Amino acid sequence: MIRLYTEKIDNNVIISIDGDIEFDDSIRIDNVIQNNFVNGSKNIILNLKNCEYIDNFGLGSLVKSLQLTKQNKRKFMLCNLSQDCKEIIMMTMLYKQIQIFNNVEDCISSV
């Protein structure tokens, strides 16, 4: 089971994920993202520094989060992707839809 750490900086919420994103974890991530929208966070940043793998349910969660942010005219960004996560994002072509940055600071400075 993953650990989620949430931090707010200005209108951004940074969700740091510690562990691999699999079925049960994707549901938790969805809930955290939705709760932050309800609480007024403008942009969502997923920090995947300590995540080595994303399964198909995790990818579904990313797509769902992307759709939610676009519908609400907000931004959804990923950062600190491992090589394996980068390859998964590239194979699924999600890199065309989701903004990807090297680190949290680059995400924040892009908005």
Protein backbone atom coordinates (compact mmCIF):
# COMPACT_ATOMS: atom_id res chain seq x y z
CA MET A 1 0.00 0.00 0.00
CA ILE A 2 1.30 3.42 -0.94
CA ARG A 3 1.71 6.42 1.33
CA LEU A 4 0.36 9.78 0.19
CA TYR A 5 1.71 13.09 1.44
CA THR A 6 -0.14 16.30 0.62
CA GLU A 7 1.32 19.79 0.70
CA LYS A 8 -0.23 23.07 -0.44
CA ILE A 9 1.84 25.83 -1.97
CA ASP A 10 -0.21 28.83 -3.10
CA ASN A 11 -3.05 27.42 -5.24
CA ASN A 12 -1.20 24.18 -5.91
CA VAL A 13 -1.54 20.90 -4.11
CA ILE A 14 1.44 18.57 -4.29
CA ILE A 15 0.59 14.93 -3.75
CA SER A 16 3.76 12.94 -3.15
CA ILE A 17 3.40 9.22 -3.67
CA ASP A 18 5.60 6.75 -1.85
CA GLY A 19 5.17 3.33 -3.46
CA ASP A 20 3.87 1.79 -6.66
CA ILE A 21 0.42 2.77 -7.96
CA GLU A 22 -1.80 -0.28 -8.24
CA PHE A 23 -5.52 -1.07 -8.06
CA ASP A 24 -6.38 -0.15 -4.44
CA ASP A 25 -4.02 2.79 -4.51
CA SER A 26 -5.65 4.38 -7.56
CA ILE A 27 -8.92 4.68 -5.63
CA ARG A 28 -7.14 6.46 -2.77
CA ILE A 29 -5.42 8.82 -5.21
CA ASP A 30 -8.77 9.62 -6.88
CA ASN A 31 -10.27 10.45 -3.49
CA VAL A 32 -7.38 12.71 -2.47
CA ILE A 33 -7.53 14.60 -5.77
CA GLN A 34 -11.31 15.04 -5.61
CA ASN A 35 -11.12 16.24 -2.00
CA ASN A 36 -8.53 18.83 -2.95
CA PHE A 37 -10.77 20.13 -5.74
CA VAL A 38 -13.63 20.47 -3.30
CA ASN A 39 -11.29 22.40 -0.97
CA GLY A 40 -10.39 24.86 -3.73
CA SER A 41 -6.97 23.76 -4.93
CA LYS A 42 -6.32 25.15 -8.38
CA ASN A 43 -3.59 22.84 -9.69
CA ILE A 44 -2.70 19.24 -8.91
CA ILE A 45 0.93 18.10 -8.96
CA LEU A 46 1.68 14.40 -8.56
CA ASN A 47 5.22 13.91 -7.30
CA LEU A 48 6.23 10.38 -8.33
CA LYS A 49 9.75 10.53 -6.94
CA ASN A 50 9.28 7.35 -4.90
CA CYS A 51 7.06 5.50 -7.37
CA GLU A 52 8.64 2.91 -9.67
CA TYR A 53 5.54 1.38 -11.29
CA ILE A 54 2.03 2.31 -12.40
CA ASP A 55 -0.42 -0.44 -13.38
CA ASN A 56 -3.43 -0.06 -15.69
CA PHE A 57 -5.68 1.05 -12.81
CA GLY A 58 -3.13 3.70 -11.90
CA LEU A 59 -3.10 4.90 -15.51
CA GLY A 60 -6.88 5.07 -15.38
CA SER A 61 -6.61 7.23 -12.28
CA LEU A 62 -4.22 9.59 -14.09
CA VAL A 63 -6.63 9.90 -17.02
CA LYS A 64 -9.57 10.50 -14.68
CA SER A 65 -7.60 13.19 -12.84
CA LEU A 66 -6.62 14.83 -16.13
CA GLN A 67 -10.26 14.93 -17.26
CA LEU A 68 -11.38 16.38 -13.92
CA THR A 69 -8.78 19.14 -14.03
CA LYS A 70 -9.55 20.04 -17.66
CA GLN A 71 -13.29 20.19 -16.97
CA ASN A 72 -12.61 22.60 -14.11
CA LYS A 73 -10.04 24.67 -16.07
CA ARG A 74 -7.21 23.62 -13.78
CA LYS A 75 -3.85 21.99 -14.39
CA PHE A 76 -2.69 18.45 -13.71
CA MET A 77 1.05 17.80 -13.74
CA LEU A 78 3.46 14.95 -13.04
CA CYS A 79 7.04 15.25 -11.85
CA ASN A 80 10.03 13.18 -10.77
CA LEU A 81 9.09 10.17 -12.90
CA SER A 82 11.27 7.07 -12.68
CA GLN A 83 12.53 5.59 -15.93
CA ASP A 84 9.88 2.83 -15.78
CA CYS A 85 7.07 5.33 -15.20
CA LYS A 86 8.36 7.49 -18.07
CA GLU A 87 8.29 4.49 -20.37
CA ILE A 88 4.71 3.65 -19.39
CA ILE A 89 3.62 7.26 -19.96
CA MET A 90 5.39 7.28 -23.34
CA MET A 91 3.92 3.93 -24.49
CA THR A 92 0.39 5.03 -23.62
CA MET A 93 0.93 8.43 -25.27
CA LEU A 94 -0.24 10.20 -22.08
CA TYR A 95 2.74 12.54 -22.38
CA LYS A 96 0.74 14.33 -25.10
CA GLN A 97 -2.00 15.16 -22.59
CA ILE A 98 -0.29 15.46 -19.20
CA GLN A 99 2.37 18.02 -18.45
CA ILE A 100 5.53 16.33 -17.15
CA PHE A 101 8.32 18.13 -15.30
CA ASN A 102 11.62 17.19 -13.73
CA ASN A 103 10.67 18.40 -10.24
CA VAL A 104 8.01 20.13 -8.14
CA GLU A 105 9.66 23.53 -8.48
CA ASP A 106 9.41 23.37 -12.28
CA CYS A 107 5.71 22.50 -12.00
CA ILE A 108 5.01 25.45 -9.73
CA SER A 109 6.96 27.90 -11.88
CA SER A 110 5.01 26.79 -14.98
CA VAL A 111 1.68 28.10 -13.69
